[in-house]
Amino acid sequence: MSPMPFGGHPTFSEYCTWAAQDENCIVSTGYATAPSGAVITQTIITAPSGKFVIVPDLAQDERLVPTMVGYLDRRLGLNSKWFKLP
């Protein structure tokens, strides 16, 4: 892996772009109503296998920590190029 700023932690947008372009995932973003009644954004990533993950209220420019990268990879059954923790 080549050196990246911030220790190689991707932004959420970079992860979604990788998933869509390299892994043929479907990425869709929309709005949902939280239990409090507030409207939040949510992103749904669906892998070709049918596995999916719903990520509520996370900005596209937010850097993902290694535990979040690991979580997304596990939920989707993927192995991304970024550092992750189990």
C-alpha atoms as a PDB file:
ATOM      1  CA  MET A   1       0.000   0.000   0.000  1.00  0.00           C
ATOM      2  CA  SER A   2       1.361   3.417  -0.897  1.00  0.00           C
ATOM      3  CA  PRO A   3       1.565   6.100   1.785  1.00  0.00           C
ATOM      4  CA  MET A   4      -1.565   8.203   2.086  1.00  0.00           C
ATOM      5  CA  PRO A   5      -2.301  11.302   4.136  1.00  0.00           C
ATOM      6  CA  PHE A   6      -3.689  10.699   7.618  1.00  0.00           C
ATOM      7  CA  GLY A   7      -2.117   7.235   7.812  1.00  0.00           C
ATOM      8  CA  GLY A   8      -4.004   5.852   4.830  1.00  0.00           C
ATOM      9  CA  HIS A   9      -7.462   6.385   6.285  1.00  0.00           C
ATOM     10  CA  PRO A  10      -9.874   6.866   3.384  1.00  0.00           C
ATOM     11  CA  THR A  11     -12.753   9.285   3.383  1.00  0.00           C
ATOM     12  CA  PHE A  12     -16.208   7.759   3.279  1.00  0.00           C
ATOM     13  CA  SER A  13     -16.504   9.027  -0.294  1.00  0.00           C
ATOM     14  CA  GLU A  14     -13.266   7.268  -1.297  1.00  0.00           C
ATOM     15  CA  TYR A  15     -14.505   4.005   0.223  1.00  0.00           C
ATOM     16  CA  CYS A  16     -17.855   4.293  -1.583  1.00  0.00           C
ATOM     17  CA  THR A  17     -16.125   5.105  -4.883  1.00  0.00           C
ATOM     18  CA  TRP A  18     -13.808   2.101  -4.503  1.00  0.00           C
ATOM     19  CA  ALA A  19     -16.739  -0.181  -3.654  1.00  0.00           C
ATOM     20  CA  ALA A  20     -18.742   0.997  -6.671  1.00  0.00           C
ATOM     21  CA  GLN A  21     -15.942   1.073  -9.255  1.00  0.00           C
ATOM     22  CA  ASP A  22     -13.710  -1.816  -8.210  1.00  0.00           C
ATOM     23  CA  GLU A  23     -16.186  -4.179  -6.541  1.00  0.00           C
ATOM     24  CA  ASN A  24     -19.359  -3.427  -8.542  1.00  0.00           C
ATOM     25  CA  CYS A  25     -21.318  -2.432  -5.445  1.00  0.00           C
ATOM     26  CA  ILE A  26     -24.398  -0.258  -5.651  1.00  0.00           C
ATOM     27  CA  VAL A  27     -24.113   2.891  -3.544  1.00  0.00           C
ATOM     28  CA  SER A  28     -27.176   5.023  -2.901  1.00  0.00           C
ATOM     29  CA  THR A  29     -27.615   8.017  -0.637  1.00  0.00           C
ATOM     30  CA  GLY A  30     -30.886   9.432   0.576  1.00  0.00           C
ATOM     31  CA  TYR A  31     -32.739  10.741   3.597  1.00  0.00           C
ATOM     32  CA  ALA A  32     -34.397   9.022   6.537  1.00  0.00           C
ATOM     33  CA  THR A  33     -36.247  10.142   9.647  1.00  0.00           C
ATOM     34  CA  ALA A  34     -34.495   9.412  12.930  1.00  0.00           C
ATOM     35  CA  PRO A  35     -36.508   8.314  16.002  1.00  0.00           C
ATOM     36  CA  SER A  36     -36.209  11.893  17.280  1.00  0.00           C
ATOM     37  CA  GLY A  37     -38.005  13.126  14.159  1.00  0.00           C
ATOM     38  CA  ALA A  38     -34.895  14.739  12.680  1.00  0.00           C
ATOM     39  CA  VAL A  39     -34.129  14.098   9.029  1.00  0.00           C
ATOM     40  CA  ILE A  40     -30.708  12.502   8.479  1.00  0.00           C
ATOM     41  CA  THR A  41     -28.766  11.334   5.450  1.00  0.00           C
ATOM     42  CA  GLN A  42     -28.106   7.652   4.974  1.00  0.00           C
ATOM     43  CA  THR A  43     -25.949   5.731   2.541  1.00  0.00           C
ATOM     44  CA  ILE A  44     -26.684   2.139   1.570  1.00  0.00           C
ATOM     45  CA  ILE A  45     -23.888   0.071   0.033  1.00  0.00           C
ATOM     46  CA  THR A  46     -24.958  -3.231  -1.532  1.00  0.00           C
ATOM     47  CA  ALA A  47     -22.390  -5.801  -2.685  1.00  0.00           C
ATOM     48  CA  PRO A  48     -23.031  -8.032  -5.718  1.00  0.00           C
ATOM     49  CA  SER A  49     -23.532 -10.924  -3.276  1.00  0.00           C
ATOM     50  CA  GLY A  50     -26.572  -9.155  -1.814  1.00  0.00           C
ATOM     51  CA  LYS A  51     -24.840  -8.254   1.460  1.00  0.00           C
ATOM     52  CA  PHE A  52     -25.449  -4.640   2.418  1.00  0.00           C
ATOM     53  CA  VAL A  53     -24.719  -2.014   5.033  1.00  0.00           C
ATOM     54  CA  ILE A  54     -26.668   1.110   5.956  1.00  0.00           C
ATOM     55  CA  VAL A  55     -24.511   3.998   7.160  1.00  0.00           C
ATOM     56  CA  PRO A  56     -26.570   6.752   8.776  1.00  0.00           C
ATOM     57  CA  ASP A  57     -25.549  10.410   8.996  1.00  0.00           C
ATOM     58  CA  LEU A  58     -21.892  10.148   7.942  1.00  0.00           C
ATOM     59  CA  ALA A  59     -20.422  12.994   5.871  1.00  0.00           C
ATOM     60  CA  GLN A  60     -18.770  12.049   2.589  1.00  0.00           C
ATOM     61  CA  ASP A  61     -15.540  13.817   3.612  1.00  0.00           C
ATOM     62  CA  GLU A  62     -15.341  12.030   6.981  1.00  0.00           C
ATOM     63  CA  ARG A  63     -12.138   9.987   7.422  1.00  0.00           C
ATOM     64  CA  LEU A  64     -12.776   6.336   8.297  1.00  0.00           C
ATOM     65  CA  VAL A  65     -10.855   4.856  11.206  1.00  0.00           C
ATOM     66  CA  PRO A  66      -9.465   1.318  10.748  1.00  0.00           C
ATOM     67  CA  THR A  67     -12.287  -0.219  12.811  1.00  0.00           C
ATOM     68  CA  MET A  68     -14.914   1.348  10.521  1.00  0.00           C
ATOM     69  CA  VAL A  69     -13.099   0.113   7.392  1.00  0.00           C
ATOM     70  CA  GLY A  70     -13.032  -3.378   8.944  1.00  0.00           C
ATOM     71  CA  TYR A  71     -16.732  -3.155   9.796  1.00  0.00           C
ATOM     72  CA  LEU A  72     -17.701  -2.130   6.256  1.00  0.00           C
ATOM     73  CA  ASP A  73     -15.498  -4.839   4.720  1.00  0.00           C
ATOM     74  CA  ARG A  74     -16.991  -7.527   6.991  1.00  0.00           C
ATOM     75  CA  ARG A  75     -20.593  -6.460   6.383  1.00  0.00           C
ATOM     76  CA  LEU A  76     -20.083  -6.385   2.629  1.00  0.00           C
ATOM     77  CA  GLY A  77     -17.815  -9.440   2.375  1.00  0.00           C
ATOM     78  CA  LEU A  78     -15.065  -7.368   0.745  1.00  0.00           C
ATOM     79  CA  ASN A  79     -11.351  -6.850   1.301  1.00  0.00           C
ATOM     80  CA  SER A  80     -10.497  -3.204   0.696  1.00  0.00           C
ATOM     81  CA  LYS A  81      -7.015  -1.837   0.157  1.00  0.00           C
ATOM     82  CA  TRP A  82      -6.990   0.252   3.348  1.00  0.00           C
ATOM     83  CA  PHE A  83      -5.649  -0.644   6.770  1.00  0.00           C
ATOM     84  CA  LYS A  84      -8.322  -2.205   8.955  1.00  0.00           C
ATOM     85  CA  LEU A  85      -8.730  -3.757  12.353  1.00  0.00           C
ATOM     86  CA  PRO A  86     -10.844  -6.831  12.996  1.00  0.00           C
END
